[in-house]
Structures are given as C-alpha cells and as structure tokens.
Amino acid sequence: VKEQTVTFMSRTRYGLEELWAMGMGDLLGAMFDFSEKLSALELSDEELGLFTAVVLVSADRSGMEDTASVEQLQETLLRALRALVLKTRPAETSRFTKLLLKLPDLRTLNNLHSEK
C-alpha cells in the first residue's frame, strides 16, 4: 500500500487521516484516487506532456476571446496524443479512450477545489 501524504512547501508532511481532520479529505482523497488511476495507465513522459497540454488548452475558460483558435490547437494536440498512444502501445487500442475519460474526472477535481 502506498503512503498517501501531502508535503507542503514548508516541508511539513500530512497523512490523509490528518488532512481529513483539517477538512481537506474529500478533495485530497479524490486527488489521490485520480493520480492512482492515471498512474495505472503508465504513460510515458511524452504522453503525459501531451495530455497535460490538452488539459491546459481549453476553449471554455472564462474570458477566452478566440475560442476557435484554441479549439483548433486542442484538436491538434489530441491528434498528436492519439498518434503517440497508438504508436507506443499499438495492441492496447482502448488506452487513448481511457485517457480521454480522465478529462471529466479532472473537471470534477477542479470543481471540488473551487468549493474549498
């Protein structure tokens, strides 16, 4: 079993039980769960980098002016990610889909974080 802890910038480390007592358990429990599921996909550094770019380049952010250009860039990133995932492990045809299914999970995490 992996130790679920958070280390703050002050180098203070807290376990999940302590974080629950501080009222941060829901958010951090969801974050640990997400990170375990993402880790299970065993992404390469390149795949993780492209996935991160897809997440960060989002046309639905508030204040976005040129959404068409952002959507086009995100589509390009998604195509590159798909090609890389298929090249890396061609036998695992559902791997790209599993990765895309992490996007709504991230949105949920963002909403949980916004509530705190």
PDB file of N, CA and C in Angstrom:
ATOM      1  N   VAL A   1       0.848  -1.183   0.000  1.00  0.00           N
ATOM      2  CA  VAL A   1       0.000   0.000   0.000  1.00  0.00           C
ATOM      3  C   VAL A   1       0.888   1.237   0.000  1.00  0.00           C
ATOM      4  N   LYS A   2       0.597   2.137  -0.912  1.00  0.00           N
ATOM      5  CA  LYS A   2       1.370   3.373  -0.994  1.00  0.00           C
ATOM      6  C   LYS A   2       0.916   4.334   0.096  1.00  0.00           C
ATOM      7  N   GLU A   3       1.877   5.083   0.608  1.00  0.00           N
ATOM      8  CA  GLU A   3       1.585   6.069   1.634  1.00  0.00           C
ATOM      9  C   GLU A   3       0.961   7.291   0.977  1.00  0.00           C
ATOM     10  N   GLN A   4      -0.201   7.675   1.444  1.00  0.00           N
ATOM     11  CA  GLN A   4      -0.879   8.836   0.882  1.00  0.00           C
ATOM     12  C   GLN A   4      -0.613  10.036   1.781  1.00  0.00           C
ATOM     13  N   THR A   5       0.353  10.840   1.375  1.00  0.00           N
ATOM     14  CA  THR A   5       0.716  12.029   2.134  1.00  0.00           C
ATOM     15  C   THR A   5       0.824  13.218   1.194  1.00  0.00           C
ATOM     16  N   VAL A   6       0.749  14.391   1.787  1.00  0.00           N
ATOM     17  CA  VAL A   6       0.961  15.637   1.065  1.00  0.00           C
ATOM     18  C   VAL A   6       2.063  16.383   1.803  1.00  0.00           C
ATOM     19  N   THR A   7       3.048  16.855   1.050  1.00  0.00           N
ATOM     20  CA  THR A   7       4.122  17.652   1.622  1.00  0.00           C
ATOM     21  C   THR A   7       3.959  19.085   1.134  1.00  0.00           C
ATOM     22  N   PHE A   8       3.805  19.993   2.065  1.00  0.00           N
ATOM     23  CA  PHE A   8       3.629  21.398   1.727  1.00  0.00           C
ATOM     24  C   PHE A   8       4.984  22.059   1.496  1.00  0.00           C
ATOM     25  N   MET A   9       4.965  23.273   0.982  1.00  0.00           N
ATOM     26  CA  MET A   9       6.213  23.977   0.675  1.00  0.00           C
ATOM     27  C   MET A   9       7.086  24.153   1.912  1.00  0.00           C
ATOM     28  N   SER A  10       6.476  24.189   3.072  1.00  0.00           N
ATOM     29  CA  SER A  10       7.228  24.325   4.317  1.00  0.00           C
ATOM     30  C   SER A  10       7.908  23.009   4.704  1.00  0.00           C
ATOM     31  N   ARG A  11       7.742  21.999   3.844  1.00  0.00           N
ATOM     32  CA  ARG A  11       8.268  20.644   4.053  1.00  0.00           C
ATOM     33  C   ARG A  11       7.525  19.881   5.154  1.00  0.00           C
ATOM     34  N   THR A  12       6.396  20.410   5.572  1.00  0.00           N
ATOM     35  CA  THR A  12       5.555  19.714   6.537  1.00  0.00           C
ATOM     36  C   THR A  12       4.746  18.673   5.785  1.00  0.00           C
ATOM     37  N   ARG A  13       4.754  17.458   6.305  1.00  0.00           N
ATOM     38  CA  ARG A  13       4.072  16.344   5.646  1.00  0.00           C
ATOM     39  C   ARG A  13       2.851  15.939   6.486  1.00  0.00           C
ATOM     40  N   TYR A  14       1.729  15.743   5.792  1.00  0.00           N
ATOM     41  CA  TYR A  14       0.496  15.318   6.450  1.00  0.00           C
ATOM     42  C   TYR A  14      -0.030  14.072   5.762  1.00  0.00           C
ATOM     43  N   GLY A  15      -0.524  13.152   6.567  1.00  0.00           N
ATOM     44  CA  GLY A  15      -1.169  11.960   6.042  1.00  0.00           C
ATOM     45  C   GLY A  15      -2.624  12.245   5.724  1.00  0.00           C
ATOM     46  N   LEU A  16      -3.244  11.340   4.994  1.00  0.00           N
ATOM     47  CA  LEU A  16      -4.633  11.536   4.577  1.00  0.00           C
ATOM     48  C   LEU A  16      -5.568  11.669   5.775  1.00  0.00           C
ATOM     49  N   GLU A  17      -5.331  10.903   6.839  1.00  0.00           N
ATOM     50  CA  GLU A  17      -6.193  10.999   8.027  1.00  0.00           C
ATOM     51  C   GLU A  17      -6.114  12.389   8.653  1.00  0.00           C
ATOM     52  N   GLU A  18      -4.906  12.952   8.719  1.00  0.00           N
ATOM     53  CA  GLU A  18      -4.750  14.301   9.266  1.00  0.00           C
ATOM     54  C   GLU A  18      -5.452  15.327   8.380  1.00  0.00           C
ATOM     55  N   LEU A  19      -5.360  15.125   7.090  1.00  0.00           N
ATOM     56  CA  LEU A  19      -5.996  16.048   6.154  1.00  0.00           C
ATOM     57  C   LEU A  19      -7.517  15.972   6.250  1.00  0.00           C
ATOM     58  N   TRP A  20      -8.043  14.773   6.514  1.00  0.00           N
ATOM     59  CA  TRP A  20      -9.484  14.631   6.740  1.00  0.00           C
ATOM     60  C   TRP A  20      -9.894  15.466   7.947  1.00  0.00           C
ATOM     61  N   ALA A  21      -9.085  15.388   9.013  1.00  0.00           N
ATOM     62  CA  ALA A  21      -9.387  16.132  10.235  1.00  0.00           C
ATOM     63  C   ALA A  21      -9.356  17.641  10.000  1.00  0.00           C
ATOM     64  N   MET A  22      -8.568  18.086   9.032  1.00  0.00           N
ATOM     65  CA  MET A  22      -8.473  19.513   8.696  1.00  0.00           C
ATOM     66  C   MET A  22      -9.556  19.947   7.712  1.00  0.00           C
ATOM     67  N   GLY A  23     -10.379  19.007   7.271  1.00  0.00           N
ATOM     68  CA  GLY A  23     -11.447  19.348   6.337  1.00  0.00           C
ATOM     69  C   GLY A  23     -11.045  19.309   4.875  1.00  0.00           C
ATOM     70  N   MET A  24      -9.877  18.743   4.587  1.00  0.00           N
ATOM     71  CA  MET A  24      -9.410  18.689   3.200  1.00  0.00           C
ATOM     72  C   MET A  24      -9.453  17.273   2.639  1.00  0.00           C
ATOM     73  N   GLY A  25     -10.049  16.361   3.364  1.00  0.00           N
ATOM     74  CA  GLY A  25     -10.027  14.962   2.972  1.00  0.00           C
ATOM     75  C   GLY A  25     -10.752  14.650   1.679  1.00  0.00           C
ATOM     76  N   ASP A  26     -11.914  15.272   1.472  1.00  0.00           N
ATOM     77  CA  ASP A  26     -12.680  14.990   0.252  1.00  0.00           C
ATOM     78  C   ASP A  26     -11.865  15.315  -0.993  1.00  0.00           C
ATOM     79  N   LEU A  27     -11.325  16.508  -1.018  1.00  0.00           N
ATOM     80  CA  LEU A  27     -10.554  16.953  -2.173  1.00  0.00           C
ATOM     81  C   LEU A  27      -9.310  16.099  -2.361  1.00  0.00           C
ATOM     82  N   LEU A  28      -8.542  15.926  -1.302  1.00  0.00           N
ATOM     83  CA  LEU A  28      -7.289  15.193  -1.447  1.00  0.00           C
ATOM     84  C   LEU A  28      -7.512  13.708  -1.674  1.00  0.00           C
ATOM     85  N   GLY A  29      -8.565  13.159  -1.104  1.00  0.00           N
ATOM     86  CA  GLY A  29      -8.901  11.765  -1.395  1.00  0.00           C
ATOM     87  C   GLY A  29      -9.201  11.582  -2.871  1.00  0.00           C
ATOM     88  N   ALA A  30      -9.955  12.530  -3.427  1.00  0.00           N
ATOM     89  CA  ALA A  30     -10.264  12.480  -4.863  1.00  0.00           C
ATOM     90  C   ALA A  30      -9.001  12.672  -5.698  1.00  0.00           C
ATOM     91  N   MET A  31      -8.095  13.520  -5.233  1.00  0.00           N
ATOM     92  CA  MET A  31      -6.840  13.739  -5.962  1.00  0.00           C
ATOM     93  C   MET A  31      -5.968  12.485  -5.944  1.00  0.00           C
ATOM     94  N   PHE A  32      -5.879  11.842  -4.788  1.00  0.00           N
ATOM     95  CA  PHE A  32      -5.105  10.604  -4.706  1.00  0.00           C
ATOM     96  C   PHE A  32      -5.717   9.532  -5.602  1.00  0.00           C
ATOM     97  N   ASP A  33      -7.038   9.433  -5.579  1.00  0.00           N
ATOM     98  CA  ASP A  33      -7.729   8.444  -6.409  1.00  0.00           C
ATOM     99  C   ASP A  33      -7.439   8.699  -7.888  1.00  0.00           C
ATOM    100  N   PHE A  34      -7.547   9.963  -8.306  1.00  0.00           N
ATOM    101  CA  PHE A  34      -7.268  10.306  -9.698  1.00  0.00           C
ATOM    102  C   PHE A  34      -5.827   9.970 -10.064  1.00  0.00           C
ATOM    103  N   SER A  35      -4.896  10.341  -9.206  1.00  0.00           N
ATOM    104  CA  SER A  35      -3.484  10.110  -9.538  1.00  0.00           C
ATOM    105  C   SER A  35      -3.164   8.623  -9.629  1.00  0.00           C
ATOM    106  N   GLU A  36      -3.812   7.805  -8.800  1.00  0.00           N
ATOM    107  CA  GLU A  36      -3.598   6.357  -8.886  1.00  0.00           C
ATOM    108  C   GLU A  36      -4.133   5.802 -10.202  1.00  0.00           C
ATOM    109  N   LYS A  37      -5.301   6.273 -10.615  1.00  0.00           N
ATOM    110  CA  LYS A  37      -5.887   5.804 -11.875  1.00  0.00           C
ATOM    111  C   LYS A  37      -5.068   6.270 -13.082  1.00  0.00           C
ATOM    112  N   LEU A  38      -4.586   7.496 -13.032  1.00  0.00           N
ATOM    113  CA  LEU A  38      -3.755   7.995 -14.125  1.00  0.00           C
ATOM    114  C   LEU A  38      -2.428   7.244 -14.159  1.00  0.00           C
ATOM    115  N   SER A  39      -1.869   6.989 -13.000  1.00  0.00           N
ATOM    116  CA  SER A  39      -0.603   6.258 -12.917  1.00  0.00           C
ATOM    117  C   SER A  39      -0.744   4.844 -13.466  1.00  0.00           C
ATOM    118  N   ALA A  40      -1.914   4.250 -13.285  1.00  0.00           N
ATOM    119  CA  ALA A  40      -2.151   2.887 -13.772  1.00  0.00           C
ATOM    120  C   ALA A  40      -2.047   2.797 -15.294  1.00  0.00           C
ATOM    121  N   LEU A  41      -2.224   3.912 -15.985  1.00  0.00           N
ATOM    122  CA  LEU A  41      -2.100   3.918 -17.446  1.00  0.00           C
ATOM    123  C   LEU A  41      -0.641   3.868 -17.894  1.00  0.00           C
ATOM    124  N   GLU A  42       0.277   4.078 -16.970  1.00  0.00           N
ATOM    125  CA  GLU A  42       1.716   4.004 -17.242  1.00  0.00           C
ATOM    126  C   GLU A  42       2.110   4.835 -18.467  1.00  0.00           C
ATOM    127  N   LEU A  43       1.756   6.104 -18.428  1.00  0.00           N
ATOM    128  CA  LEU A  43       2.068   6.998 -19.539  1.00  0.00           C
ATOM    129  C   LEU A  43       3.559   7.297 -19.585  1.00  0.00           C
ATOM    130  N   SER A  44       4.069   7.421 -20.797  1.00  0.00           N
ATOM    131  CA  SER A  44       5.452   7.867 -20.966  1.00  0.00           C
ATOM    132  C   SER A  44       5.501   9.367 -20.660  1.00  0.00           C
ATOM    133  N   ASP A  45       6.701   9.902 -20.521  1.00  0.00           N
ATOM    134  CA  ASP A  45       6.842  11.342 -20.288  1.00  0.00           C
ATOM    135  C   ASP A  45       6.217  12.138 -21.430  1.00  0.00           C
ATOM    136  N   GLU A  46       6.391  11.652 -22.652  1.00  0.00           N
ATOM    137  CA  GLU A  46       5.843  12.348 -23.816  1.00  0.00           C
ATOM    138  C   GLU A  46       4.317  12.318 -23.802  1.00  0.00           C
ATOM    139  N   GLU A  47       3.744  11.160 -23.473  1.00  0.00           N
ATOM    140  CA  GLU A  47       2.284  11.049 -23.409  1.00  0.00           C
ATOM    141  C   GLU A  47       1.727  11.951 -22.314  1.00  0.00           C
ATOM    142  N   LEU A  48       2.374  11.951 -21.164  1.00  0.00           N
ATOM    143  CA  LEU A  48       1.916  12.791 -20.060  1.00  0.00           C
ATOM    144  C   LEU A  48       2.034  14.270 -20.421  1.00  0.00           C
ATOM    145  N   GLY A  49       3.091  14.630 -21.117  1.00  0.00           N
ATOM    146  CA  GLY A  49       3.258  16.015 -21.550  1.00  0.00           C
ATOM    147  C   GLY A  49       2.160  16.461 -22.498  1.00  0.00           C
ATOM    148  N   LEU A  50       1.831  15.624 -23.477  1.00  0.00           N
ATOM    149  CA  LEU A  50       0.754  15.968 -24.413  1.00  0.00           C
ATOM    150  C   LEU A  50      -0.601  15.985 -23.716  1.00  0.00           C
ATOM    151  N   PHE A  51      -0.830  15.037 -22.814  1.00  0.00           N
ATOM    152  CA  PHE A  51      -2.090  15.014 -22.064  1.00  0.00           C
ATOM    153  C   PHE A  51      -2.225  16.299 -21.244  1.00  0.00           C
ATOM    154  N   THR A  52      -1.150  16.705 -20.604  1.00  0.00           N
ATOM    155  CA  THR A  52      -1.164  17.940 -19.819  1.00  0.00           C
ATOM    156  C   THR A  52      -1.471  19.140 -20.709  1.00  0.00           C
ATOM    157  N   ALA A  53      -0.891  19.172 -21.900  1.00  0.00           N
ATOM    158  CA  ALA A  53      -1.162  20.264 -22.838  1.00  0.00           C
ATOM    159  C   ALA A  53      -2.631  20.280 -23.238  1.00  0.00           C
ATOM    160  N   VAL A  54      -3.210  19.107 -23.484  1.00  0.00           N
ATOM    161  CA  VAL A  54      -4.634  19.020 -23.832  1.00  0.00           C
ATOM    162  C   VAL A  54      -5.486  19.590 -22.703  1.00  0.00           C
ATOM    163  N   VAL A  55      -5.121  19.262 -21.473  1.00  0.00           N
ATOM    164  CA  VAL A  55      -5.873  19.743 -20.312  1.00  0.00           C
ATOM    165  C   VAL A  55      -5.769  21.262 -20.187  1.00  0.00           C
ATOM    166  N   LEU A  56      -4.578  21.784 -20.373  1.00  0.00           N
ATOM    167  CA  LEU A  56      -4.361  23.220 -20.179  1.00  0.00           C
ATOM    168  C   LEU A  56      -4.944  24.071 -21.294  1.00  0.00           C
ATOM    169  N   VAL A  57      -4.980  23.543 -22.516  1.00  0.00           N
ATOM    170  CA  VAL A  57      -5.509  24.295 -23.660  1.00  0.00           C
ATOM    171  C   VAL A  57      -7.001  23.988 -23.765  1.00  0.00           C
ATOM    172  N   SER A  58      -7.798  24.839 -23.158  1.00  0.00           N
ATOM    173  CA  SER A  58      -9.239  24.605 -23.097  1.00  0.00           C
ATOM    174  C   SER A  58      -9.983  25.867 -23.517  1.00  0.00           C
ATOM    175  N   ALA A  59     -10.858  25.725 -24.498  1.00  0.00           N
ATOM    176  CA  ALA A  59     -11.578  26.878 -25.054  1.00  0.00           C
ATOM    177  C   ALA A  59     -12.702  27.373 -24.151  1.00  0.00           C
ATOM    178  N   ASP A  60     -13.073  26.597 -23.130  1.00  0.00           N
ATOM    179  CA  ASP A  60     -14.210  27.009 -22.306  1.00  0.00           C
ATOM    180  C   ASP A  60     -13.796  27.768 -21.042  1.00  0.00           C
ATOM    181  N   ARG A  61     -12.579  28.236 -20.995  1.00  0.00           N
ATOM    182  CA  ARG A  61     -12.135  29.036 -19.847  1.00  0.00           C
ATOM    183  C   ARG A  61     -12.789  30.418 -19.913  1.00  0.00           C
ATOM    184  N   SER A  62     -13.089  30.975 -18.754  1.00  0.00           N
ATOM    185  CA  SER A  62     -13.730  32.291 -18.734  1.00  0.00           C
ATOM    186  C   SER A  62     -12.777  33.352 -19.288  1.00  0.00           C
ATOM    187  N   GLY A  63     -13.340  34.281 -20.033  1.00  0.00           N
ATOM    188  CA  GLY A  63     -12.553  35.361 -20.610  1.00  0.00           C
ATOM    189  C   GLY A  63     -11.863  35.015 -21.919  1.00  0.00           C
ATOM    190  N   MET A  64     -12.071  33.807 -22.403  1.00  0.00           N
ATOM    191  CA  MET A  64     -11.431  33.377 -23.650  1.00  0.00           C
ATOM    192  C   MET A  64     -12.063  34.141 -24.815  1.00  0.00           C
ATOM    193  N   GLU A  65     -11.235  34.742 -25.651  1.00  0.00           N
ATOM    194  CA  GLU A  65     -11.751  35.540 -26.762  1.00  0.00           C
ATOM    195  C   GLU A  65     -11.762  34.788 -28.083  1.00  0.00           C
ATOM    196  N   ASP A  66     -10.683  34.117 -28.424  1.00  0.00           N
ATOM    197  CA  ASP A  66     -10.592  33.430 -29.718  1.00  0.00           C
ATOM    198  C   ASP A  66     -10.752  31.923 -29.507  1.00  0.00           C
ATOM    199  N   THR A  67     -11.960  31.522 -29.174  1.00  0.00           N
ATOM    200  CA  THR A  67     -12.200  30.115 -28.841  1.00  0.00           C
ATOM    201  C   THR A  67     -11.947  29.191 -30.027  1.00  0.00           C
ATOM    202  N   ALA A  68     -12.202  29.658 -31.234  1.00  0.00           N
ATOM    203  CA  ALA A  68     -11.999  28.806 -32.412  1.00  0.00           C
ATOM    204  C   ALA A  68     -10.529  28.403 -32.548  1.00  0.00           C
ATOM    205  N   SER A  69      -9.633  29.335 -32.337  1.00  0.00           N
ATOM    206  CA  SER A  69      -8.199  29.023 -32.427  1.00  0.00           C
ATOM    207  C   SER A  69      -7.770  28.064 -31.326  1.00  0.00           C
ATOM    208  N   VAL A  70      -8.306  28.267 -30.139  1.00  0.00           N
ATOM    209  CA  VAL A  70      -7.964  27.391 -29.014  1.00  0.00           C
ATOM    210  C   VAL A  70      -8.496  25.984 -29.269  1.00  0.00           C
ATOM    211  N   GLU A  71      -9.723  25.886 -29.777  1.00  0.00           N
ATOM    212  CA  GLU A  71     -10.285  24.571 -30.101  1.00  0.00           C
ATOM    213  C   GLU A  71      -9.454  23.866 -31.165  1.00  0.00           C
ATOM    214  N   GLN A  72      -9.001  24.615 -32.160  1.00  0.00           N
ATOM    215  CA  GLN A  72      -8.177  24.039 -33.223  1.00  0.00           C
ATOM    216  C   GLN A  72      -6.852  23.528 -32.652  1.00  0.00           C
ATOM    217  N   LEU A  73      -6.245  24.298 -31.768  1.00  0.00           N
ATOM    218  CA  LEU A  73      -4.994  23.872 -31.132  1.00  0.00           C
ATOM    219  C   LEU A  73      -5.220  22.621 -30.287  1.00  0.00           C
ATOM    220  N   GLN A  74      -6.318  22.590 -29.545  1.00  0.00           N
ATOM    221  CA  GLN A  74      -6.599  21.415 -28.720  1.00  0.00           C
ATOM    222  C   GLN A  74      -6.828  20.184 -29.596  1.00  0.00           C
ATOM    223  N   GLU A  75      -7.509  20.342 -30.714  1.00  0.00           N
ATOM    224  CA  GLU A  75      -7.712  19.222 -31.642  1.00  0.00           C
ATOM    225  C   GLU A  75      -6.378  18.702 -32.175  1.00  0.00           C
ATOM    226  N   THR A  76      -5.482  19.612 -32.498  1.00  0.00           N
ATOM    227  CA  THR A  76      -4.149  19.214 -32.971  1.00  0.00           C
ATOM    228  C   THR A  76      -3.416  18.432 -31.887  1.00  0.00           C
ATOM    229  N   LEU A  77      -3.494  18.917 -30.659  1.00  0.00           N
ATOM    230  CA  LEU A  77      -2.855  18.218 -29.537  1.00  0.00           C
ATOM    231  C   LEU A  77      -3.477  16.841 -29.314  1.00  0.00           C
ATOM    232  N   LEU A  78      -4.791  16.755 -29.430  1.00  0.00           N
ATOM    233  CA  LEU A  78      -5.469  15.462 -29.263  1.00  0.00           C
ATOM    234  C   LEU A  78      -5.050  14.470 -30.344  1.00  0.00           C
ATOM    235  N   ARG A  79      -4.938  14.938 -31.585  1.00  0.00           N
ATOM    236  CA  ARG A  79      -4.489  14.055 -32.666  1.00  0.00           C
ATOM    237  C   ARG A  79      -3.063  13.567 -32.419  1.00  0.00           C
ATOM    238  N   ALA A  80      -2.210  14.468 -31.959  1.00  0.00           N
ATOM    239  CA  ALA A  80      -0.822  14.088 -31.661  1.00  0.00           C
ATOM    240  C   ALA A  80      -0.775  13.086 -30.514  1.00  0.00           C
ATOM    241  N   LEU A  81      -1.581  13.306 -29.494  1.00  0.00           N
ATOM    242  CA  LEU A  81      -1.629  12.385 -28.356  1.00  0.00           C
ATOM    243  C   LEU A  81      -2.130  11.017 -28.794  1.00  0.00           C
ATOM    244  N   ARG A  82      -3.178  11.001 -29.609  1.00  0.00           N
ATOM    245  CA  ARG A  82      -3.717   9.727 -30.093  1.00  0.00           C
ATOM    246  C   ARG A  82      -2.666   8.962 -30.897  1.00  0.00           C
ATOM    247  N   ALA A  83      -1.987   9.663 -31.790  1.00  0.00           N
ATOM    248  CA  ALA A  83      -0.952   9.018 -32.612  1.00  0.00           C
ATOM    249  C   ALA A  83       0.165   8.459 -31.739  1.00  0.00           C
ATOM    250  N   LEU A  84       0.569   9.208 -30.735  1.00  0.00           N
ATOM    251  CA  LEU A  84       1.640   8.758 -29.849  1.00  0.00           C
ATOM    252  C   LEU A  84       1.211   7.551 -29.026  1.00  0.00           C
ATOM    253  N   VAL A  85       0.000   7.595 -28.491  1.00  0.00           N
ATOM    254  CA  VAL A  85      -0.503   6.475 -27.686  1.00  0.00           C
ATOM    255  C   VAL A  85      -0.589   5.213 -28.535  1.00  0.00           C
ATOM    256  N   LEU A  86      -1.085   5.344 -29.762  1.00  0.00           N
ATOM    257  CA  LEU A  86      -1.193   4.178 -30.648  1.00  0.00           C
ATOM    258  C   LEU A  86       0.178   3.666 -31.069  1.00  0.00           C
ATOM    259  N   LYS A  87       1.130   4.567 -31.218  1.00  0.00           N
ATOM    260  CA  LYS A  87       2.487   4.166 -31.588  1.00  0.00           C
ATOM    261  C   LYS A  87       3.190   3.475 -30.415  1.00  0.00           C
ATOM    262  N   THR A  88       2.985   4.004 -29.220  1.00  0.00           N
ATOM    263  CA  THR A  88       3.659   3.481 -28.033  1.00  0.00           C
ATOM    264  C   THR A  88       3.207   2.062 -27.708  1.00  0.00           C
ATOM    265  N   ARG A  89       1.894   1.845 -27.732  1.00  0.00           N
ATOM    266  CA  ARG A  89       1.347   0.517 -27.411  1.00  0.00           C
ATOM    267  C   ARG A  89       0.201   0.193 -28.371  1.00  0.00           C
ATOM    268  N   PRO A  90       0.538  -0.214 -29.581  1.00  0.00           N
ATOM    269  CA  PRO A  90      -0.497  -0.441 -30.600  1.00  0.00           C
ATOM    270  C   PRO A  90      -1.498  -1.535 -30.232  1.00  0.00           C
ATOM    271  N   ALA A  91      -1.114  -2.465 -29.398  1.00  0.00           N
ATOM    272  CA  ALA A  91      -2.026  -3.554 -29.033  1.00  0.00           C
ATOM    273  C   ALA A  91      -3.102  -3.101 -28.049  1.00  0.00           C
ATOM    274  N   GLU A  92      -2.862  -2.005 -27.342  1.00  0.00           N
ATOM    275  CA  GLU A  92      -3.821  -1.507 -26.347  1.00  0.00           C
ATOM    276  C   GLU A  92      -4.707  -0.440 -26.984  1.00  0.00           C
ATOM    277  N   THR A  93      -5.670  -0.896 -27.767  1.00  0.00           N
ATOM    278  CA  THR A  93      -6.492   0.020 -28.566  1.00  0.00           C
ATOM    279  C   THR A  93      -7.400   0.916 -27.725  1.00  0.00           C
ATOM    280  N   SER A  94      -7.739   0.522 -26.512  1.00  0.00           N
ATOM    281  CA  SER A  94      -8.637   1.337 -25.681  1.00  0.00           C
ATOM    282  C   SER A  94      -7.881   2.324 -24.790  1.00  0.00           C
ATOM    283  N   ARG A  95      -6.572   2.320 -24.867  1.00  0.00           N
ATOM    284  CA  ARG A  95      -5.760   3.163 -23.977  1.00  0.00           C
ATOM    285  C   ARG A  95      -6.036   4.657 -24.177  1.00  0.00           C
ATOM    286  N   PHE A  96      -6.167   5.098 -25.412  1.00  0.00           N
ATOM    287  CA  PHE A  96      -6.448   6.510 -25.682  1.00  0.00           C
ATOM    288  C   PHE A  96      -7.815   6.894 -25.117  1.00  0.00           C
ATOM    289  N   THR A  97      -8.795   6.031 -25.295  1.00  0.00           N
ATOM    290  CA  THR A  97     -10.134   6.293 -24.765  1.00  0.00           C
ATOM    291  C   THR A  97     -10.096   6.387 -23.249  1.00  0.00           C
ATOM    292  N   LYS A  98      -9.375   5.479 -22.614  1.00  0.00           N
ATOM    293  CA  LYS A  98      -9.250   5.519 -21.150  1.00  0.00           C
ATOM    294  C   LYS A  98      -8.621   6.828 -20.696  1.00  0.00           C
ATOM    295  N   LEU A  99      -7.668   7.300 -21.456  1.00  0.00           N
ATOM    296  CA  LEU A  99      -7.016   8.558 -21.121  1.00  0.00           C
ATOM    297  C   LEU A  99      -7.983   9.731 -21.266  1.00  0.00           C
ATOM    298  N   LEU A 100      -8.761   9.743 -22.334  1.00  0.00           N
ATOM    299  CA  LEU A 100      -9.739  10.820 -22.526  1.00  0.00           C
ATOM    300  C   LEU A 100     -10.800  10.827 -21.435  1.00  0.00           C
ATOM    301  N   LEU A 101     -11.113   9.654 -20.917  1.00  0.00           N
ATOM    302  CA  LEU A 101     -12.111   9.570 -19.852  1.00  0.00           C
ATOM    303  C   LEU A 101     -11.611  10.176 -18.542  1.00  0.00           C
ATOM    304  N   LYS A 102     -10.346  10.504 -18.480  1.00  0.00           N
ATOM    305  CA  LYS A 102      -9.800  11.187 -17.297  1.00  0.00           C
ATOM    306  C   LYS A 102     -10.146  12.680 -17.312  1.00  0.00           C
ATOM    307  N   LEU A 103     -10.476  13.228 -18.475  1.00  0.00           N
ATOM    308  CA  LEU A 103     -10.774  14.659 -18.567  1.00  0.00           C
ATOM    309  C   LEU A 103     -11.972  15.074 -17.709  1.00  0.00           C
ATOM    310  N   PRO A 104     -13.106  14.351 -17.740  1.00  0.00           N
ATOM    311  CA  PRO A 104     -14.205  14.726 -16.841  1.00  0.00           C
ATOM    312  C   PRO A 104     -13.829  14.576 -15.362  1.00  0.00           C
ATOM    313  N   ASP A 105     -12.979  13.597 -15.056  1.00  0.00           N
ATOM    314  CA  ASP A 105     -12.522  13.436 -13.675  1.00  0.00           C
ATOM    315  C   ASP A 105     -11.740  14.670 -13.224  1.00  0.00           C
ATOM    316  N   LEU A 106     -10.931  15.209 -14.125  1.00  0.00           N
ATOM    317  CA  LEU A 106     -10.183  16.426 -13.796  1.00  0.00           C
ATOM    318  C   LEU A 106     -11.117  17.612 -13.587  1.00  0.00           C
ATOM    319  N   ARG A 107     -12.158  17.686 -14.391  1.00  0.00           N
ATOM    320  CA  ARG A 107     -13.128  18.775 -14.230  1.00  0.00           C
ATOM    321  C   ARG A 107     -13.808  18.674 -12.862  1.00  0.00           C
ATOM    322  N   THR A 108     -14.130  17.449 -12.454  1.00  0.00           N
ATOM    323  CA  THR A 108     -14.723  17.235 -11.133  1.00  0.00           C
ATOM    324  C   THR A 108     -13.758  17.670 -10.034  1.00  0.00           C
ATOM    325  N   LEU A 109     -12.484  17.307 -10.185  1.00  0.00           N
ATOM    326  CA  LEU A 109     -11.475  17.740  -9.212  1.00  0.00           C
ATOM    327  C   LEU A 109     -11.386  19.263  -9.157  1.00  0.00           C
ATOM    328  N   ASN A 110     -11.435  19.893 -10.310  1.00  0.00           N
ATOM    329  CA  ASN A 110     -11.390  21.352 -10.355  1.00  0.00           C
ATOM    330  C   ASN A 110     -12.574  21.950  -9.607  1.00  0.00           C
ATOM    331  N   ASN A 111     -13.751  21.375  -9.803  1.00  0.00           N
ATOM    332  CA  ASN A 111     -14.937  21.871  -9.107  1.00  0.00           C
ATOM    333  C   ASN A 111     -14.813  21.677  -7.600  1.00  0.00           C
ATOM    334  N   LEU A 112     -14.299  20.517  -7.175  1.00  0.00           N
ATOM    335  CA  LEU A 112     -14.081  20.276  -5.748  1.00  0.00           C
ATOM    336  C   LEU A 112     -13.105  21.296  -5.176  1.00  0.00           C
ATOM    337  N   HIS A 113     -12.044  21.566  -5.922  1.00  0.00           N
ATOM    338  CA  HIS A 113     -11.040  22.526  -5.465  1.00  0.00           C
ATOM    339  C   HIS A 113     -11.633  23.931  -5.365  1.00  0.00           C
ATOM    340  N   SER A 114     -12.482  24.287  -6.309  1.00  0.00           N
ATOM    341  CA  SER A 114     -13.099  25.616  -6.305  1.00  0.00           C
ATOM    342  C   SER A 114     -14.016  25.809  -5.107  1.00  0.00           C
ATOM    343  N   GLU A 115     -14.596  24.716  -4.624  1.00  0.00           N
ATOM    344  CA  GLU A 115     -15.502  24.786  -3.476  1.00  0.00           C
ATOM    345  C   GLU A 115     -14.756  25.004  -2.168  1.00  0.00           C
ATOM    346  N   LYS A 116     -13.476  24.647  -2.125  1.00  0.00           N
ATOM    347  CA  LYS A 116     -12.698  24.741  -0.872  1.00  0.00           C
ATOM    348  C   LYS A 116     -12.234  26.140  -0.607  1.00  0.00           C
TER     349      LYS A 116
END
